[in-house]
PDB file of N, CA and C in Angstrom:
ATOM      1  N   MET A   1      -9.617 -26.338 -80.804  1.00  0.00           N
ATOM      2  CA  MET A   1     -11.032 -26.626 -80.752  1.00  0.00           C
ATOM      3  C   MET A   1     -11.546 -26.354 -79.339  1.00  0.00           C
ATOM      4  N   VAL A   2     -12.645 -25.637 -79.218  1.00  0.00           N
ATOM      5  CA  VAL A   2     -13.256 -25.348 -77.923  1.00  0.00           C
ATOM      6  C   VAL A   2     -14.264 -26.441 -77.614  1.00  0.00           C
ATOM      7  N   ARG A   3     -14.111 -27.015 -76.434  1.00  0.00           N
ATOM      8  CA  ARG A   3     -15.025 -28.080 -76.025  1.00  0.00           C
ATOM      9  C   ARG A   3     -16.285 -27.495 -75.421  1.00  0.00           C
ATOM     10  N   ASP A   4     -17.348 -28.171 -75.618  1.00  0.00           N
ATOM     11  CA  ASP A   4     -18.605 -27.820 -75.002  1.00  0.00           C
ATOM     12  C   ASP A   4     -18.433 -27.871 -73.489  1.00  0.00           C
ATOM     13  N   LYS A   5     -19.062 -26.965 -72.762  1.00  0.00           N
ATOM     14  CA  LYS A   5     -18.957 -26.965 -71.297  1.00  0.00           C
ATOM     15  C   LYS A   5     -19.377 -28.323 -70.740  1.00  0.00           C
ATOM     16  N   GLU A   6     -20.454 -28.893 -71.294  1.00  0.00           N
ATOM     17  CA  GLU A   6     -20.952 -30.184 -70.832  1.00  0.00           C
ATOM     18  C   GLU A   6     -19.918 -31.286 -71.005  1.00  0.00           C
ATOM     19  N   ASP A   7     -19.156 -31.250 -72.090  1.00  0.00           N
ATOM     20  CA  ASP A   7     -18.156 -32.271 -72.369  1.00  0.00           C
ATOM     21  C   ASP A   7     -16.994 -32.229 -71.389  1.00  0.00           C
ATOM     22  N   SER A   8     -16.735 -31.065 -70.809  1.00  0.00           N
ATOM     23  CA  SER A   8     -15.585 -30.931 -69.931  1.00  0.00           C
ATOM     24  C   SER A   8     -15.874 -31.354 -68.491  1.00  0.00           C
ATOM     25  N   ILE A   9     -17.119 -31.561 -68.164  1.00  0.00           N
ATOM     26  CA  ILE A   9     -17.474 -31.989 -66.815  1.00  0.00           C
ATOM     27  C   ILE A   9     -17.315 -33.496 -66.724  1.00  0.00           C
ATOM     28  N   GLU A  10     -16.599 -33.945 -65.717  1.00  0.00           N
ATOM     29  CA  GLU A  10     -16.404 -35.384 -65.578  1.00  0.00           C
ATOM     30  C   GLU A  10     -17.746 -36.080 -65.329  1.00  0.00           C
ATOM     31  N   PRO A  11     -17.857 -37.341 -65.735  1.00  0.00           N
ATOM     32  CA  PRO A  11     -19.149 -38.046 -65.651  1.00  0.00           C
ATOM     33  C   PRO A  11     -19.766 -38.086 -64.253  1.00  0.00           C
ATOM     34  N   VAL A  12     -18.968 -38.234 -63.206  1.00  0.00           N
ATOM     35  CA  VAL A  12     -19.519 -38.292 -61.847  1.00  0.00           C
ATOM     36  C   VAL A  12     -20.204 -36.969 -61.496  1.00  0.00           C
ATOM     37  N   ALA A  13     -19.532 -35.875 -61.776  1.00  0.00           N
ATOM     38  CA  ALA A  13     -20.107 -34.554 -61.487  1.00  0.00           C
ATOM     39  C   ALA A  13     -21.321 -34.292 -62.372  1.00  0.00           C
ATOM     40  N   ARG A  14     -21.233 -34.717 -63.607  1.00  0.00           N
ATOM     41  CA  ARG A  14     -22.360 -34.513 -64.526  1.00  0.00           C
ATOM     42  C   ARG A  14     -23.573 -35.332 -64.093  1.00  0.00           C
ATOM     43  N   PHE A  15     -23.332 -36.564 -63.614  1.00  0.00           N
ATOM     44  CA  PHE A  15     -24.434 -37.393 -63.118  1.00  0.00           C
ATOM     45  C   PHE A  15     -25.097 -36.702 -61.929  1.00  0.00           C
ATOM     46  N   GLN A  16     -24.285 -36.151 -61.048  1.00  0.00           N
ATOM     47  CA  GLN A  16     -24.808 -35.417 -59.891  1.00  0.00           C
ATOM     48  C   GLN A  16     -25.659 -34.230 -60.363  1.00  0.00           C
ATOM     49  N   ASP A  17     -25.128 -33.470 -61.303  1.00  0.00           N
ATOM     50  CA  ASP A  17     -25.859 -32.314 -61.830  1.00  0.00           C
ATOM     51  C   ASP A  17     -27.178 -32.733 -62.477  1.00  0.00           C
ATOM     52  N   GLU A  18     -27.139 -33.785 -63.283  1.00  0.00           N
ATOM     53  CA  GLU A  18     -28.350 -34.268 -63.951  1.00  0.00           C
ATOM     54  C   GLU A  18     -29.364 -34.797 -62.935  1.00  0.00           C
ATOM     55  N   SER A  19     -28.879 -35.379 -61.852  1.00  0.00           N
ATOM     56  CA  SER A  19     -29.779 -35.847 -60.787  1.00  0.00           C
ATOM     57  C   SER A  19     -30.517 -34.672 -60.157  1.00  0.00           C
ATOM     58  N   ILE A  20     -29.812 -33.590 -59.952  1.00  0.00           N
ATOM     59  CA  ILE A  20     -30.427 -32.393 -59.370  1.00  0.00           C
ATOM     60  C   ILE A  20     -31.448 -31.797 -60.331  1.00  0.00           C
ATOM     61  N   VAL A  21     -31.122 -31.773 -61.617  1.00  0.00           N
ATOM     62  CA  VAL A  21     -32.071 -31.293 -62.629  1.00  0.00           C
ATOM     63  C   VAL A  21     -33.331 -32.162 -62.604  1.00  0.00           C
ATOM     64  N   ALA A  22     -33.153 -33.484 -62.516  1.00  0.00           N
ATOM     65  CA  ALA A  22     -34.298 -34.402 -62.467  1.00  0.00           C
ATOM     66  C   ALA A  22     -35.137 -34.169 -61.217  1.00  0.00           C
ATOM     67  N   ILE A  23     -34.493 -33.897 -60.096  1.00  0.00           N
ATOM     68  CA  ILE A  23     -35.221 -33.615 -58.857  1.00  0.00           C
ATOM     69  C   ILE A  23     -36.090 -32.378 -59.025  1.00  0.00           C
ATOM     70  N   HIS A  24     -35.534 -31.342 -59.623  1.00  0.00           N
ATOM     71  CA  HIS A  24     -36.319 -30.110 -59.853  1.00  0.00           C
ATOM     72  C   HIS A  24     -37.503 -30.380 -60.783  1.00  0.00           C
ATOM     73  N   ALA A  25     -37.287 -31.196 -61.797  1.00  0.00           N
ATOM     74  CA  ALA A  25     -38.378 -31.549 -62.710  1.00  0.00           C
ATOM     75  C   ALA A  25     -39.455 -32.341 -61.975  1.00  0.00           C
ATOM     76  N   CYS A  26     -39.032 -33.234 -61.096  1.00  0.00           N
ATOM     77  CA  CYS A  26     -39.995 -34.005 -60.292  1.00  0.00           C
ATOM     78  C   CYS A  26     -40.832 -33.068 -59.415  1.00  0.00           C
ATOM     79  N   LYS A  27     -40.149 -32.137 -58.770  1.00  0.00           N
ATOM     80  CA  LYS A  27     -40.850 -31.183 -57.901  1.00  0.00           C
ATOM     81  C   LYS A  27     -41.872 -30.366 -58.688  1.00  0.00           C
ATOM     82  N   ALA A  28     -41.519 -30.007 -59.912  1.00  0.00           N
ATOM     83  CA  ALA A  28     -42.439 -29.246 -60.762  1.00  0.00           C
ATOM     84  C   ALA A  28     -43.693 -30.057 -61.082  1.00  0.00           C
ATOM     85  N   LEU A  29     -43.577 -31.383 -61.021  1.00  0.00           N
ATOM     86  CA  LEU A  29     -44.723 -32.274 -61.266  1.00  0.00           C
ATOM     87  C   LEU A  29     -45.508 -32.569 -59.996  1.00  0.00           C
ATOM     88  N   GLY A  30     -45.048 -32.024 -58.876  1.00  0.00           N
ATOM     89  CA  GLY A  30     -45.730 -32.262 -57.606  1.00  0.00           C
ATOM     90  C   GLY A  30     -45.206 -33.467 -56.844  1.00  0.00           C
ATOM     91  N   TYR A  31     -44.098 -34.025 -57.271  1.00  0.00           N
ATOM     92  CA  TYR A  31     -43.496 -35.187 -56.613  1.00  0.00           C
ATOM     93  C   TYR A  31     -42.133 -34.774 -56.060  1.00  0.00           C
ATOM     94  N   VAL A  32     -41.957 -34.953 -54.758  1.00  0.00           N
ATOM     95  CA  VAL A  32     -40.683 -34.637 -54.128  1.00  0.00           C
ATOM     96  C   VAL A  32     -39.993 -35.957 -53.773  1.00  0.00           C
ATOM     97  N   PRO A  33     -38.932 -36.301 -54.495  1.00  0.00           N
ATOM     98  CA  PRO A  33     -38.231 -37.565 -54.246  1.00  0.00           C
ATOM     99  C   PRO A  33     -37.326 -37.466 -53.011  1.00  0.00           C
ATOM    100  N   THR A  34     -37.935 -37.417 -51.852  1.00  0.00           N
ATOM    101  CA  THR A  34     -37.235 -37.175 -50.594  1.00  0.00           C
ATOM    102  C   THR A  34     -36.091 -38.152 -50.345  1.00  0.00           C
ATOM    103  N   TYR A  35     -36.345 -39.423 -50.566  1.00  0.00           N
ATOM    104  CA  TYR A  35     -35.326 -40.439 -50.320  1.00  0.00           C
ATOM    105  C   TYR A  35     -34.122 -40.232 -51.234  1.00  0.00           C
ATOM    106  N   TRP A  36     -34.371 -39.946 -52.499  1.00  0.00           N
ATOM    107  CA  TRP A  36     -33.292 -39.718 -53.460  1.00  0.00           C
ATOM    108  C   TRP A  36     -32.501 -38.462 -53.101  1.00  0.00           C
ATOM    109  N   ILE A  37     -33.190 -37.428 -52.664  1.00  0.00           N
ATOM    110  CA  ILE A  37     -32.513 -36.192 -52.249  1.00  0.00           C
ATOM    111  C   ILE A  37     -31.576 -36.483 -51.084  1.00  0.00           C
ATOM    112  N   ARG A  38     -32.068 -37.216 -50.098  1.00  0.00           N
ATOM    113  CA  ARG A  38     -31.246 -37.556 -48.933  1.00  0.00           C
ATOM    114  C   ARG A  38     -30.031 -38.394 -49.350  1.00  0.00           C
ATOM    115  N   MET A  39     -30.255 -39.365 -50.219  1.00  0.00           N
ATOM    116  CA  MET A  39     -29.161 -40.228 -50.671  1.00  0.00           C
ATOM    117  C   MET A  39     -28.118 -39.423 -51.452  1.00  0.00           C
ATOM    118  N   LEU A  40     -28.571 -38.529 -52.283  1.00  0.00           N
ATOM    119  CA  LEU A  40     -27.659 -37.703 -53.067  1.00  0.00           C
ATOM    120  C   LEU A  40     -26.759 -36.871 -52.170  1.00  0.00           C
ATOM    121  N   ASN A  41     -27.328 -36.354 -51.112  1.00  0.00           N
ATOM    122  CA  ASN A  41     -26.560 -35.532 -50.177  1.00  0.00           C
ATOM    123  C   ASN A  41     -25.581 -36.354 -49.356  1.00  0.00           C
ATOM    124  N   GLU A  42     -25.844 -37.638 -49.181  1.00  0.00           N
ATOM    125  CA  GLU A  42     -24.968 -38.485 -48.379  1.00  0.00           C
ATOM    126  C   GLU A  42     -23.652 -38.784 -49.081  1.00  0.00           C
ATOM    127  N   SER A  43     -23.714 -39.254 -50.316  1.00  0.00           N
ATOM    128  CA  SER A  43     -22.453 -39.622 -50.968  1.00  0.00           C
ATOM    129  C   SER A  43     -22.483 -39.489 -52.483  1.00  0.00           C
ATOM    130  N   GLY A  44     -23.395 -38.725 -52.995  1.00  0.00           N
ATOM    131  CA  GLY A  44     -23.398 -38.479 -54.431  1.00  0.00           C
ATOM    132  C   GLY A  44     -24.282 -39.422 -55.221  1.00  0.00           C
ATOM    133  N   GLY A  45     -24.697 -38.958 -56.370  1.00  0.00           N
ATOM    134  CA  GLY A  45     -25.671 -39.664 -57.183  1.00  0.00           C
ATOM    135  C   GLY A  45     -25.233 -41.007 -57.726  1.00  0.00           C
ATOM    136  N   ALA A  46     -24.036 -41.083 -58.283  1.00  0.00           N
ATOM    137  CA  ALA A  46     -23.604 -42.335 -58.910  1.00  0.00           C
ATOM    138  C   ALA A  46     -23.464 -43.455 -57.881  1.00  0.00           C
ATOM    139  N   VAL A  47     -22.894 -43.146 -56.736  1.00  0.00           N
ATOM    140  CA  VAL A  47     -22.731 -44.149 -55.672  1.00  0.00           C
ATOM    141  C   VAL A  47     -24.093 -44.626 -55.189  1.00  0.00           C
ATOM    142  N   GLN A  48     -24.979 -43.707 -54.972  1.00  0.00           N
ATOM    143  CA  GLN A  48     -26.297 -44.057 -54.454  1.00  0.00           C
ATOM    144  C   GLN A  48     -27.155 -44.771 -55.495  1.00  0.00           C
ATOM    145  N   ALA A  49     -27.024 -44.389 -56.750  1.00  0.00           N
ATOM    146  CA  ALA A  49     -27.770 -45.080 -57.811  1.00  0.00           C
ATOM    147  C   ALA A  49     -27.356 -46.544 -57.855  1.00  0.00           C
ATOM    148  N   ALA A  50     -26.057 -46.798 -57.787  1.00  0.00           N
ATOM    149  CA  ALA A  50     -25.564 -48.176 -57.791  1.00  0.00           C
ATOM    150  C   ALA A  50     -26.123 -48.954 -56.602  1.00  0.00           C
ATOM    151  N   LYS A  51     -26.157 -48.310 -55.440  1.00  0.00           N
ATOM    152  CA  LYS A  51     -26.714 -48.958 -54.238  1.00  0.00           C
ATOM    153  C   LYS A  51     -28.175 -49.337 -54.447  1.00  0.00           C
ATOM    154  N   LEU A  52     -28.941 -48.403 -54.979  1.00  0.00           N
ATOM    155  CA  LEU A  52     -30.366 -48.668 -55.212  1.00  0.00           C
ATOM    156  C   LEU A  52     -30.573 -49.820 -56.181  1.00  0.00           C
ATOM    157  N   LEU A  53     -29.774 -49.865 -57.199  1.00  0.00           N
ATOM    158  CA  LEU A  53     -29.922 -50.919 -58.194  1.00  0.00           C
ATOM    159  C   LEU A  53     -29.572 -52.286 -57.622  1.00  0.00           C
ATOM    160  N   LEU A  54     -28.520 -52.357 -56.844  1.00  0.00           N
ATOM    161  CA  LEU A  54     -28.076 -53.646 -56.324  1.00  0.00           C
ATOM    162  C   LEU A  54     -28.866 -54.098 -55.104  1.00  0.00           C
ATOM    163  N   THR A  55     -29.360 -53.150 -54.327  1.00  0.00           N
ATOM    164  CA  THR A  55     -30.102 -53.506 -53.120  1.00  0.00           C
ATOM    165  C   THR A  55     -31.432 -54.165 -53.448  1.00  0.00           C
ATOM    166  N   LEU A  56     -32.154 -53.583 -54.377  1.00  0.00           N
ATOM    167  CA  LEU A  56     -33.484 -54.104 -54.685  1.00  0.00           C
ATOM    168  C   LEU A  56     -33.475 -55.160 -55.780  1.00  0.00           C
ATOM    169  N   GLY A  57     -32.476 -55.154 -56.622  1.00  0.00           N
ATOM    170  CA  GLY A  57     -32.433 -56.097 -57.737  1.00  0.00           C
ATOM    171  C   GLY A  57     -33.401 -55.694 -58.839  1.00  0.00           C
ATOM    172  N   ALA A  58     -33.449 -56.498 -59.869  1.00  0.00           N
ATOM    173  CA  ALA A  58     -34.247 -56.174 -61.051  1.00  0.00           C
ATOM    174  C   ALA A  58     -35.739 -56.400 -60.838  1.00  0.00           C
ATOM    175  N   GLU A  59     -36.086 -57.263 -59.898  1.00  0.00           N
ATOM    176  CA  GLU A  59     -37.491 -57.652 -59.728  1.00  0.00           C
ATOM    177  C   GLU A  59     -38.314 -56.612 -58.974  1.00  0.00           C
ATOM    178  N   ARG A  60     -37.657 -55.802 -58.166  1.00  0.00           N
ATOM    179  CA  ARG A  60     -38.404 -54.848 -57.331  1.00  0.00           C
ATOM    180  C   ARG A  60     -38.166 -53.420 -57.798  1.00  0.00           C
ATOM    181  N   TRP A  61     -39.201 -52.632 -57.677  1.00  0.00           N
ATOM    182  CA  TRP A  61     -39.118 -51.215 -58.021  1.00  0.00           C
ATOM    183  C   TRP A  61     -39.101 -50.415 -56.737  1.00  0.00           C
ATOM    184  N   GLN A  62     -38.281 -49.395 -56.675  1.00  0.00           N
ATOM    185  CA  GLN A  62     -38.359 -48.496 -55.535  1.00  0.00           C
ATOM    186  C   GLN A  62     -39.549 -47.564 -55.739  1.00  0.00           C
ATOM    187  N   SER A  63     -39.994 -46.940 -54.674  1.00  0.00           N
ATOM    188  CA  SER A  63     -41.199 -46.103 -54.743  1.00  0.00           C
ATOM    189  C   SER A  63     -41.069 -44.972 -55.758  1.00  0.00           C
ATOM    190  N   GLY A  64     -39.860 -44.439 -55.933  1.00  0.00           N
ATOM    191  CA  GLY A  64     -39.663 -43.356 -56.897  1.00  0.00           C
ATOM    192  C   GLY A  64     -39.941 -43.781 -58.327  1.00  0.00           C
ATOM    193  N   LEU A  65     -39.532 -44.987 -58.665  1.00  0.00           N
ATOM    194  CA  LEU A  65     -39.791 -45.493 -60.018  1.00  0.00           C
ATOM    195  C   LEU A  65     -41.291 -45.672 -60.237  1.00  0.00           C
ATOM    196  N   VAL A  66     -41.969 -46.171 -59.221  1.00  0.00           N
ATOM    197  CA  VAL A  66     -43.427 -46.339 -59.308  1.00  0.00           C
ATOM    198  C   VAL A  66     -44.087 -44.981 -59.531  1.00  0.00           C
ATOM    199  N   ARG A  67     -43.674 -43.988 -58.761  1.00  0.00           N
ATOM    200  CA  ARG A  67     -44.283 -42.655 -58.874  1.00  0.00           C
ATOM    201  C   ARG A  67     -44.011 -42.034 -60.258  1.00  0.00           C
ATOM    202  N   LEU A  68     -42.790 -42.185 -60.742  1.00  0.00           N
ATOM    203  CA  LEU A  68     -42.467 -41.637 -62.063  1.00  0.00           C
ATOM    204  C   LEU A  68     -43.211 -42.379 -63.168  1.00  0.00           C
ATOM    205  N   TYR A  69     -43.455 -43.659 -62.963  1.00  0.00           N
ATOM    206  CA  TYR A  69     -44.273 -44.427 -63.907  1.00  0.00           C
ATOM    207  C   TYR A  69     -45.689 -43.845 -63.937  1.00  0.00           C
ATOM    208  N   GLU A  70     -46.236 -43.573 -62.765  1.00  0.00           N
ATOM    209  CA  GLU A  70     -47.587 -42.989 -62.686  1.00  0.00           C
ATOM    210  C   GLU A  70     -47.646 -41.624 -63.354  1.00  0.00           C
ATOM    211  N   LEU A  71     -46.572 -40.873 -63.239  1.00  0.00           N
ATOM    212  CA  LEU A  71     -46.510 -39.535 -63.842  1.00  0.00           C
ATOM    213  C   LEU A  71     -46.112 -39.566 -65.322  1.00  0.00           C
ATOM    214  N   ARG A  72     -45.815 -40.766 -65.823  1.00  0.00           N
ATOM    215  CA  ARG A  72     -45.366 -40.942 -67.201  1.00  0.00           C
ATOM    216  C   ARG A  72     -44.097 -40.145 -67.493  1.00  0.00           C
ATOM    217  N   ARG A  73     -43.177 -40.174 -66.509  1.00  0.00           N
ATOM    218  CA  ARG A  73     -41.910 -39.455 -66.646  1.00  0.00           C
ATOM    219  C   ARG A  73     -40.735 -40.342 -66.220  1.00  0.00           C
ATOM    220  N   LEU A  74     -40.697 -41.529 -66.774  1.00  0.00           N
ATOM    221  CA  LEU A  74     -39.606 -42.449 -66.454  1.00  0.00           C
ATOM    222  C   LEU A  74     -38.249 -41.920 -66.912  1.00  0.00           C
ATOM    223  N   ASP A  75     -38.262 -40.937 -67.799  1.00  0.00           N
ATOM    224  CA  ASP A  75     -37.014 -40.319 -68.226  1.00  0.00           C
ATOM    225  C   ASP A  75     -36.310 -39.600 -67.079  1.00  0.00           C
ATOM    226  N   LEU A  76     -37.024 -39.378 -65.984  1.00  0.00           N
ATOM    227  CA  LEU A  76     -36.428 -38.744 -64.803  1.00  0.00           C
ATOM    228  C   LEU A  76     -35.931 -39.774 -63.787  1.00  0.00           C
ATOM    229  N   SER A  77     -36.078 -41.040 -64.106  1.00  0.00           N
ATOM    230  CA  SER A  77     -35.715 -42.095 -63.150  1.00  0.00           C
ATOM    231  C   SER A  77     -34.211 -42.368 -63.124  1.00  0.00           C
ATOM    232  N   ILE A  78     -33.770 -42.894 -62.028  1.00  0.00           N
ATOM    233  CA  ILE A  78     -32.377 -43.310 -61.866  1.00  0.00           C
ATOM    234  C   ILE A  78     -32.035 -44.361 -62.914  1.00  0.00           C
ATOM    235  N   GLU A  79     -32.943 -45.294 -63.119  1.00  0.00           N
ATOM    236  CA  GLU A  79     -32.714 -46.369 -64.087  1.00  0.00           C
ATOM    237  C   GLU A  79     -32.444 -45.807 -65.478  1.00  0.00           C
ATOM    238  N   TYR A  80     -33.208 -44.828 -65.864  1.00  0.00           N
ATOM    239  CA  TYR A  80     -33.055 -44.216 -67.187  1.00  0.00           C
ATOM    240  C   TYR A  80     -31.710 -43.504 -67.280  1.00  0.00           C
ATOM    241  N   MET A  81     -31.357 -42.772 -66.233  1.00  0.00           N
ATOM    242  CA  MET A  81     -30.097 -42.038 -66.228  1.00  0.00           C
ATOM    243  C   MET A  81     -28.886 -42.971 -66.274  1.00  0.00           C
ATOM    244  N   VAL A  82     -28.961 -44.082 -65.555  1.00  0.00           N
ATOM    245  CA  VAL A  82     -27.859 -45.042 -65.522  1.00  0.00           C
ATOM    246  C   VAL A  82     -27.547 -45.553 -66.927  1.00  0.00           C
ATOM    247  N   LEU A  83     -28.570 -45.653 -67.760  1.00  0.00           N
ATOM    248  CA  LEU A  83     -28.401 -46.172 -69.111  1.00  0.00           C
ATOM    249  C   LEU A  83     -28.104 -45.076 -70.145  1.00  0.00           C
ATOM    250  N   ASP A  84     -28.037 -43.845 -69.696  1.00  0.00           N
ATOM    251  CA  ASP A  84     -27.703 -42.744 -70.592  1.00  0.00           C
ATOM    252  C   ASP A  84     -26.222 -42.893 -70.979  1.00  0.00           C
ATOM    253  N   PRO A  85     -25.901 -42.933 -72.279  1.00  0.00           N
ATOM    254  CA  PRO A  85     -24.522 -43.200 -72.702  1.00  0.00           C
ATOM    255  C   PRO A  85     -23.417 -42.424 -71.966  1.00  0.00           C
ATOM    256  N   PRO A  86     -23.587 -41.136 -71.663  1.00  0.00           N
ATOM    257  CA  PRO A  86     -22.488 -40.453 -70.960  1.00  0.00           C
ATOM    258  C   PRO A  86     -22.204 -41.010 -69.558  1.00  0.00           C
ATOM    259  N   PHE A  87     -23.168 -41.750 -69.002  1.00  0.00           N
ATOM    260  CA  PHE A  87     -23.010 -42.238 -67.632  1.00  0.00           C
ATOM    261  C   PHE A  87     -22.772 -43.739 -67.529  1.00  0.00           C
ATOM    262  N   GLU A  88     -22.898 -44.454 -68.633  1.00  0.00           N
ATOM    263  CA  GLU A  88     -22.771 -45.909 -68.572  1.00  0.00           C
ATOM    264  C   GLU A  88     -21.447 -46.358 -67.975  1.00  0.00           C
ATOM    265  N   SER A  89     -20.385 -45.608 -68.192  1.00  0.00           N
ATOM    266  CA  SER A  89     -19.067 -46.002 -67.669  1.00  0.00           C
ATOM    267  C   SER A  89     -18.997 -45.941 -66.143  1.00  0.00           C
ATOM    268  N   LEU A  90     -19.944 -45.285 -65.519  1.00  0.00           N
ATOM    269  CA  LEU A  90     -19.950 -45.167 -64.058  1.00  0.00           C
ATOM    270  C   LEU A  90     -20.506 -46.418 -63.376  1.00  0.00           C
ATOM    271  N   PHE A  91     -21.133 -47.291 -64.159  1.00  0.00           N
ATOM    272  CA  PHE A  91     -21.847 -48.419 -63.573  1.00  0.00           C
ATOM    273  C   PHE A  91     -21.366 -49.740 -64.145  1.00  0.00           C
ATOM    274  N   THR A  92     -21.493 -50.781 -63.344  1.00  0.00           N
ATOM    275  CA  THR A  92     -21.087 -52.112 -63.780  1.00  0.00           C
ATOM    276  C   THR A  92     -22.115 -52.677 -64.758  1.00  0.00           C
ATOM    277  N   ASP A  93     -21.716 -53.743 -65.448  1.00  0.00           N
ATOM    278  CA  ASP A  93     -22.654 -54.420 -66.343  1.00  0.00           C
ATOM    279  C   ASP A  93     -23.886 -54.883 -65.572  1.00  0.00           C
ATOM    280  N   SER A  94     -23.671 -55.384 -64.373  1.00  0.00           N
ATOM    281  CA  SER A  94     -24.772 -55.875 -63.546  1.00  0.00           C
ATOM    282  C   SER A  94     -25.738 -54.751 -63.170  1.00  0.00           C
ATOM    283  N   GLU A  95     -25.201 -53.604 -62.810  1.00  0.00           N
ATOM    284  CA  GLU A  95     -26.047 -52.457 -62.448  1.00  0.00           C
ATOM    285  C   GLU A  95     -26.841 -51.973 -63.653  1.00  0.00           C
ATOM    286  N   ARG A  96     -26.186 -51.884 -64.801  1.00  0.00           N
ATOM    287  CA  ARG A  96     -26.889 -51.450 -66.018  1.00  0.00           C
ATOM    288  C   ARG A  96     -27.942 -52.476 -66.427  1.00  0.00           C
ATOM    289  N   ASP A  97     -27.613 -53.742 -66.272  1.00  0.00           N
ATOM    290  CA  ASP A  97     -28.567 -54.804 -66.598  1.00  0.00           C
ATOM    291  C   ASP A  97     -29.803 -54.716 -65.702  1.00  0.00           C
ATOM    292  N   THR A  98     -29.590 -54.445 -64.429  1.00  0.00           N
ATOM    293  CA  THR A  98     -30.713 -54.284 -63.493  1.00  0.00           C
ATOM    294  C   THR A  98     -31.590 -53.112 -63.914  1.00  0.00           C
ATOM    295  N   ALA A  99     -30.968 -51.996 -64.246  1.00  0.00           N
ATOM    296  CA  ALA A  99     -31.730 -50.817 -64.688  1.00  0.00           C
ATOM    297  C   ALA A  99     -32.529 -51.144 -65.948  1.00  0.00           C
ATOM    298  N   ARG A 100     -31.884 -51.818 -66.895  1.00  0.00           N
ATOM    299  CA  ARG A 100     -32.542 -52.175 -68.152  1.00  0.00           C
ATOM    300  C   ARG A 100     -33.730 -53.109 -67.906  1.00  0.00           C
ATOM    301  N   LYS A 101     -33.544 -54.097 -67.022  1.00  0.00           N
ATOM    302  CA  LYS A 101     -34.622 -55.046 -66.714  1.00  0.00           C
ATOM    303  C   LYS A 101     -35.793 -54.370 -66.016  1.00  0.00           C
ATOM    304  N   ARG A 102     -35.500 -53.463 -65.096  1.00  0.00           N
ATOM    305  CA  ARG A 102     -36.601 -52.743 -64.433  1.00  0.00           C
ATOM    306  C   ARG A 102     -37.415 -51.950 -65.439  1.00  0.00           C
ATOM    307  N   LEU A 103     -36.735 -51.231 -66.301  1.00  0.00           N
ATOM    308  CA  LEU A 103     -37.457 -50.453 -67.309  1.00  0.00           C
ATOM    309  C   LEU A 103     -38.213 -51.365 -68.268  1.00  0.00           C
ATOM    310  N   ALA A 104     -37.599 -52.461 -68.663  1.00  0.00           N
ATOM    311  CA  ALA A 104     -38.259 -53.405 -69.573  1.00  0.00           C
ATOM    312  C   ALA A 104     -39.501 -54.011 -68.925  1.00  0.00           C
ATOM    313  N   SER A 105     -39.465 -54.208 -67.613  1.00  0.00           N
ATOM    314  CA  SER A 105     -40.602 -54.810 -66.918  1.00  0.00           C
ATOM    315  C   SER A 105     -41.846 -53.914 -66.950  1.00  0.00           C
ATOM    316  N   ILE A 106     -41.632 -52.645 -67.272  1.00  0.00           N
ATOM    317  CA  ILE A 106     -42.770 -51.726 -67.402  1.00  0.00           C
ATOM    318  C   ILE A 106     -42.923 -51.218 -68.831  1.00  0.00           C
ATOM    319  N   GLY A 107     -42.287 -51.931 -69.756  1.00  0.00           N
ATOM    320  CA  GLY A 107     -42.494 -51.637 -71.160  1.00  0.00           C
ATOM    321  C   GLY A 107     -41.647 -50.543 -71.760  1.00  0.00           C
ATOM    322  N   VAL A 108     -40.549 -50.177 -71.103  1.00  0.00           N
ATOM    323  CA  VAL A 108     -39.672 -49.137 -71.628  1.00  0.00           C
ATOM    324  C   VAL A 108     -38.360 -49.773 -72.038  1.00  0.00           C
ATOM    325  N   SER A 109     -37.931 -49.494 -73.259  1.00  0.00           N
ATOM    326  CA  SER A 109     -36.631 -50.006 -73.661  1.00  0.00           C
ATOM    327  C   SER A 109     -35.682 -48.829 -73.786  1.00  0.00           C
ATOM    328  N   ARG A 110     -34.504 -49.025 -73.294  1.00  0.00           N
ATOM    329  CA  ARG A 110     -33.469 -47.978 -73.316  1.00  0.00           C
ATOM    330  C   ARG A 110     -32.242 -48.616 -73.932  1.00  0.00           C
ATOM    331  N   PRO A 111     -31.815 -48.168 -75.090  1.00  0.00           N
ATOM    332  CA  PRO A 111     -30.667 -48.797 -75.740  1.00  0.00           C
ATOM    333  C   PRO A 111     -29.374 -48.590 -74.964  1.00  0.00           C
ATOM    334  N   SER A 112     -28.456 -49.511 -75.122  1.00  0.00           N
ATOM    335  CA  SER A 112     -27.145 -49.349 -74.506  1.00  0.00           C
ATOM    336  C   SER A 112     -26.252 -48.582 -75.467  1.00  0.00           C
ATOM    337  N   ALA A 113     -25.104 -48.142 -74.967  1.00  0.00           N
ATOM    338  CA  ALA A 113     -24.162 -47.393 -75.799  1.00  0.00           C
ATOM    339  C   ALA A 113     -23.653 -48.252 -76.958  1.00  0.00           C
ATOM    340  N   ALA A 114     -23.633 -49.572 -76.754  1.00  0.00           N
ATOM    341  CA  ALA A 114     -23.144 -50.475 -77.784  1.00  0.00           C
ATOM    342  C   ALA A 114     -24.146 -50.669 -78.925  1.00  0.00           C
ATOM    343  N   ASP A 115     -25.421 -50.348 -78.677  1.00  0.00           N
ATOM    344  CA  ASP A 115     -26.470 -50.554 -79.701  1.00  0.00           C
ATOM    345  C   ASP A 115     -26.373 -49.520 -80.807  1.00  0.00           C
TER     346      ASP A 115
END
């Protein structure tokens, strides 16, 4: 059986790739997520996403989430990506819970892999 190219990429690398795709989509909308770009270059997307989630907690939104909310493109947010089933294994229950709560606080529900 031949595996899909996407299936053969490990989740950390795939998260990094998807983060870059999201950045390009943001730029196409006129929003340049400068802070996220810098963080991605420092130590990779999954590590930095976890930092963002734990640093601010569920109650606070980072500026990127606010901007994506204004653009009606929360699907490009770190929070949304963290809850994407292929990436859930990269994050702790606490990190995923924070992402879920942030999205819920603005009326977006994102199912977990267990749902």
